[in-house]
Amino acid sequence: MRANLRSMRMFFTQIKGDSMLLMMCFLPPLIAAVFRFGIPFAEGQLRSVLQRSAVLSEYYLLFDLFLAMFAPYFLVFISAMVMLSEIDEHVAAYLAVTPIRKRGYIVSRLLYPALLSVAVSAALLSLCALTDWSVWNLLLACLLSVLLCIPVGMLVVVYAHNRVEGMALAKLSGLVLFGLPIPFFLTNGFQYLFSWLPSFWIAKLFMTQNYLALLPAIFVSAAWIWALYRRFTRKLL
């Protein structure tokens, strides 16, 4: 445990020394503030221009779901960038044979930042949400967001050869969030063509308040992690 925490401190030291990664730590609260104040302002302007009673407000829940994803997505992406740097410098392989071992390295570089993002995401959602959230639904949304974003970080590490490729892959892997708007805009059976995306089931869960959707949301995310785990650990070593 102590070795993992020391490795975690090394992780934060690397972020502090990298201006790009440090700047990305502040993006989730900035985006949350834009959502909280910018979207209602845009709603008021659009209603007056279009002479409609509601324009964006029908999709406030969708905006909240994206808001829940931002902190996990950015923190996991930062973790992936740090791991790519450590792989290039052979630090990852070295740490894997120290007392933290391979499992401890993965925990300190991926699991701990992901768990930290739960607290950050919950804080941002509680302060900047556009809809009302119960404590249970808020925590559930944040936990599912983390479970969704972990495969994104794994994808970047597995298929990128350097940080430049990692940034490009992070944008591409962000398509896993594309499942969120599907249930809002597709109401027929065609929506289930996107059921392989964990984000689809997360949106389905909170849109319908049908907690049976929690099972496929967890299962699909776990399937992504399982499919990537072997290549992920092989790349680290």
Protein backbone atom coordinates (compact mmCIF):
# COMPACT_ATOMS: atom_id res chain seq x y z
CA MET A 1 0.00 0.00 0.00
CA ARG A 2 2.77 2.45 0.93
CA ALA A 3 4.66 1.59 -2.24
CA ASN A 4 1.54 2.29 -4.28
CA LEU A 5 1.09 5.66 -2.60
CA ARG A 6 4.74 6.56 -3.26
CA SER A 7 4.21 5.62 -6.90
CA MET A 8 1.12 7.81 -6.89
CA ARG A 9 3.15 10.75 -5.59
CA MET A 10 5.60 10.19 -8.45
CA PHE A 11 2.62 10.30 -10.79
CA PHE A 12 1.51 13.70 -9.51
CA THR A 13 5.08 14.99 -9.65
CA GLN A 14 5.21 14.16 -13.36
CA ILE A 15 1.93 15.97 -13.94
CA LYS A 16 3.21 19.02 -12.08
CA GLY A 17 6.29 19.10 -14.29
CA ASP A 18 4.31 18.91 -17.53
CA SER A 19 2.46 22.13 -18.35
CA MET A 20 0.11 20.47 -20.85
CA LEU A 21 -1.02 17.79 -18.41
CA LEU A 22 -1.26 20.31 -15.59
CA MET A 23 -3.48 22.53 -17.72
CA MET A 24 -5.74 19.59 -18.54
CA CYS A 25 -6.42 19.10 -14.82
CA PHE A 26 -8.27 22.43 -14.85
CA LEU A 27 -10.37 21.69 -17.94
CA PRO A 28 -13.20 19.75 -16.22
CA PRO A 29 -14.15 22.61 -13.82
CA LEU A 30 -13.87 25.15 -16.64
CA ILE A 31 -16.14 23.08 -18.88
CA ALA A 32 -18.53 22.52 -15.97
CA ALA A 33 -18.80 26.29 -15.44
CA VAL A 34 -19.54 26.80 -19.14
CA PHE A 35 -22.26 24.16 -18.94
CA ARG A 36 -23.76 25.62 -15.76
CA PHE A 37 -23.99 29.22 -16.96
CA GLY A 38 -23.57 29.08 -20.75
CA ILE A 39 -26.25 26.54 -21.61
CA PRO A 40 -29.11 28.20 -19.66
CA PHE A 41 -28.09 31.54 -21.19
CA ALA A 42 -28.12 29.99 -24.68
CA GLU A 43 -31.51 28.43 -23.89
CA GLY A 44 -32.99 31.83 -23.06
CA GLN A 45 -31.59 33.40 -26.22
CA LEU A 46 -32.78 30.56 -28.45
CA ARG A 47 -36.27 30.59 -26.96
CA SER A 48 -36.67 34.29 -27.68
CA VAL A 49 -35.32 33.97 -31.22
CA LEU A 50 -37.19 30.79 -32.17
CA GLN A 51 -40.34 31.65 -30.22
CA ARG A 52 -40.40 28.24 -28.57
CA SER A 53 -41.07 27.28 -24.96
CA ALA A 54 -38.07 24.91 -24.83
CA VAL A 55 -35.04 24.30 -27.04
CA LEU A 56 -32.06 23.01 -25.09
CA SER A 57 -33.85 22.38 -21.80
CA GLU A 58 -35.26 19.11 -23.18
CA TYR A 59 -31.69 17.82 -23.25
CA TYR A 60 -30.44 19.10 -19.90
CA LEU A 61 -30.11 15.51 -18.67
CA LEU A 62 -27.88 14.73 -21.66
CA PHE A 63 -25.65 17.69 -20.84
CA ASP A 64 -25.43 16.47 -17.23
CA LEU A 65 -24.36 13.02 -18.38
CA PHE A 66 -21.58 14.52 -20.47
CA LEU A 67 -20.60 16.63 -17.46
CA ALA A 68 -20.31 13.47 -15.35
CA MET A 69 -17.88 12.05 -17.94
CA PHE A 70 -15.46 14.97 -18.20
CA ALA A 71 -13.41 14.46 -15.02
CA PRO A 72 -12.94 10.68 -15.51
CA TYR A 73 -12.15 11.15 -19.20
CA PHE A 74 -9.49 13.83 -18.68
CA LEU A 75 -7.89 12.20 -15.62
CA VAL A 76 -7.69 8.81 -17.32
CA PHE A 77 -6.26 10.48 -20.42
CA ILE A 78 -3.61 12.18 -18.25
CA SER A 79 -2.79 8.78 -16.75
CA ALA A 80 -2.38 7.32 -20.23
CA MET A 81 -0.01 10.13 -21.23
CA VAL A 82 2.10 9.55 -18.12
CA MET A 83 2.23 5.81 -18.77
CA LEU A 84 3.25 6.32 -22.41
CA SER A 85 6.12 8.55 -21.24
CA GLU A 86 7.20 5.95 -18.69
CA ILE A 87 7.04 3.18 -21.28
CA ASP A 88 9.23 5.20 -23.67
CA GLU A 89 11.73 5.85 -20.88
CA HIS A 90 11.55 2.21 -19.64
CA VAL A 91 10.40 3.46 -16.26
CA ALA A 92 7.26 1.30 -16.37
CA ALA A 93 9.22 -1.94 -16.72
CA TYR A 94 11.55 -0.87 -13.93
CA LEU A 95 8.71 -0.04 -11.54
CA ALA A 96 7.03 -3.36 -12.32
CA VAL A 97 9.94 -5.24 -10.73
CA THR A 98 10.17 -2.98 -7.66
CA PRO A 99 8.04 -3.71 -4.55
CA ILE A 100 4.96 -2.16 -6.19
CA ARG A 101 5.11 -4.82 -8.96
CA LYS A 102 2.98 -4.79 -12.09
CA ARG A 103 -0.36 -4.81 -10.27
CA GLY A 104 0.68 -1.95 -8.00
CA TYR A 105 1.87 0.05 -10.99
CA ILE A 106 -1.51 -0.36 -12.71
CA VAL A 107 -3.32 0.53 -9.50
CA SER A 108 -1.27 3.69 -8.93
CA ARG A 109 -1.39 4.83 -12.55
CA LEU A 110 -4.91 3.93 -13.57
CA LEU A 111 -7.15 2.82 -10.70
CA TYR A 112 -6.25 5.52 -8.15
CA PRO A 113 -6.65 8.41 -10.65
CA ALA A 114 -9.93 6.87 -11.79
CA LEU A 115 -11.20 6.69 -8.20
CA LEU A 116 -10.07 10.26 -7.60
CA SER A 117 -12.10 11.30 -10.61
CA VAL A 118 -15.23 9.93 -8.91
CA ALA A 119 -14.92 12.59 -6.20
CA VAL A 120 -14.13 15.33 -8.75
CA SER A 121 -17.02 14.29 -11.00
CA ALA A 122 -19.44 14.14 -8.07
CA ALA A 123 -18.40 17.62 -6.93
CA LEU A 124 -18.79 19.12 -10.40
CA LEU A 125 -22.12 17.42 -11.00
CA SER A 126 -23.52 18.48 -7.63
CA LEU A 127 -22.45 22.10 -8.21
CA CYS A 128 -23.11 22.52 -11.93
CA ALA A 129 -25.89 20.07 -12.88
CA LEU A 130 -28.76 21.44 -14.93
CA THR A 131 -31.24 18.89 -13.55
CA ASP A 132 -32.02 17.56 -10.09
CA TRP A 133 -30.01 14.52 -8.99
CA SER A 134 -30.53 12.30 -6.00
CA VAL A 135 -27.39 11.35 -4.07
CA TRP A 136 -27.76 7.74 -5.23
CA ASN A 137 -28.12 8.63 -8.93
CA LEU A 138 -25.27 11.15 -8.73
CA LEU A 139 -22.83 8.61 -7.27
CA LEU A 140 -24.03 5.93 -9.67
CA ALA A 141 -23.49 8.21 -12.69
CA CYS A 142 -19.97 9.08 -11.53
CA LEU A 143 -19.01 5.44 -10.87
CA LEU A 144 -20.35 4.30 -14.25
CA SER A 145 -18.50 7.18 -15.92
CA VAL A 146 -15.24 5.95 -14.43
CA LEU A 147 -15.97 2.39 -15.51
CA LEU A 148 -16.59 3.70 -19.02
CA CYS A 149 -13.44 5.85 -19.21
CA ILE A 150 -10.93 3.25 -17.96
CA PRO A 151 -11.04 1.40 -21.33
CA VAL A 152 -10.36 4.74 -23.05
CA GLY A 153 -7.05 5.07 -21.19
CA MET A 154 -6.22 1.44 -21.90
CA LEU A 155 -6.92 1.92 -25.62
CA VAL A 156 -4.54 4.88 -25.76
CA VAL A 157 -1.73 2.98 -24.01
CA VAL A 158 -2.22 -0.19 -26.08
CA TYR A 159 -2.28 1.36 -29.55
CA ALA A 160 -0.23 4.56 -29.25
CA HIS A 161 3.54 4.44 -29.73
CA ASN A 162 4.18 7.91 -28.34
CA ARG A 163 2.35 10.85 -26.80
CA VAL A 164 1.55 12.48 -30.14
CA GLU A 165 -0.23 9.33 -31.27
CA GLY A 166 -1.76 9.10 -27.82
CA MET A 167 -3.41 12.50 -28.17
CA ALA A 168 -4.83 11.53 -31.57
CA LEU A 169 -6.10 8.22 -30.22
CA ALA A 170 -7.67 9.93 -27.21
CA LYS A 171 -9.79 12.02 -29.56
CA LEU A 172 -10.75 8.93 -31.54
CA SER A 173 -11.47 6.82 -28.48
CA GLY A 174 -13.68 9.62 -27.23
CA LEU A 175 -16.22 8.20 -29.68
CA VAL A 176 -17.17 5.73 -26.93
CA LEU A 177 -19.11 8.68 -25.48
CA PHE A 178 -21.15 8.82 -28.68
CA GLY A 179 -23.65 6.40 -27.17
CA LEU A 180 -24.94 9.05 -24.74
CA PRO A 181 -27.16 11.00 -27.18
CA ILE A 182 -28.47 7.91 -29.00
CA PRO A 183 -31.48 7.17 -26.72
CA PHE A 184 -32.41 10.87 -26.78
CA PHE A 185 -32.65 11.04 -30.56
CA LEU A 186 -33.41 7.46 -31.65
CA THR A 187 -36.59 6.10 -30.12
CA ASN A 188 -37.01 3.01 -32.29
CA GLY A 189 -35.20 -0.32 -32.27
CA PHE A 190 -32.29 1.06 -34.32
CA GLN A 191 -30.88 2.56 -31.13
CA TYR A 192 -29.79 -0.91 -30.02
CA LEU A 193 -27.24 -0.99 -32.85
CA PHE A 194 -25.16 1.07 -30.41
CA SER A 195 -25.64 -1.29 -27.46
CA TRP A 196 -21.95 -2.27 -27.63
CA LEU A 197 -21.13 1.20 -26.28
CA PRO A 198 -21.23 1.43 -22.46
CA SER A 199 -22.32 5.06 -22.74
CA PHE A 200 -25.52 3.96 -24.51
CA TRP A 201 -26.63 1.97 -21.48
CA ILE A 202 -25.66 4.76 -19.09
CA ALA A 203 -27.90 7.19 -20.99
CA LYS A 204 -30.63 4.56 -21.16
CA LEU A 205 -30.44 4.02 -17.40
CA PHE A 206 -30.88 7.65 -16.38
CA MET A 207 -33.27 8.59 -19.18
CA THR A 208 -35.75 5.81 -18.36
CA GLN A 209 -34.89 5.39 -14.66
CA ASN A 210 -34.98 1.65 -15.37
CA TYR A 211 -32.27 0.20 -13.14
CA LEU A 212 -32.24 -3.04 -15.14
CA ALA A 213 -30.06 -1.10 -17.60
CA LEU A 214 -27.40 -1.01 -14.88
CA LEU A 215 -26.49 -4.65 -15.62
CA PRO A 216 -25.60 -4.19 -19.32
CA ALA A 217 -23.89 -0.88 -18.49
CA ILE A 218 -21.53 -2.70 -16.12
CA PHE A 219 -21.20 -5.80 -18.29
CA VAL A 220 -20.30 -3.93 -21.50
CA SER A 221 -17.70 -1.77 -19.72
CA ALA A 222 -16.22 -4.87 -18.06
CA ALA A 223 -16.09 -6.62 -21.44
CA TRP A 224 -14.09 -3.72 -22.89
CA ILE A 225 -11.66 -3.84 -19.97
CA TRP A 226 -11.30 -7.62 -20.23
CA ALA A 227 -10.65 -7.43 -23.99
CA LEU A 228 -7.89 -4.85 -23.53
CA TYR A 229 -6.27 -5.99 -20.28
CA ARG A 230 -3.82 -8.56 -21.67
CA ARG A 231 -2.47 -6.25 -24.37
CA PHE A 232 -2.38 -3.40 -21.88
CA THR A 233 -0.21 -5.28 -19.37
CA ARG A 234 2.01 -6.62 -22.16
CA LYS A 235 2.61 -3.09 -23.43
CA LEU A 236 3.62 -1.90 -19.97
CA LEU A 237 6.38 -4.51 -19.80
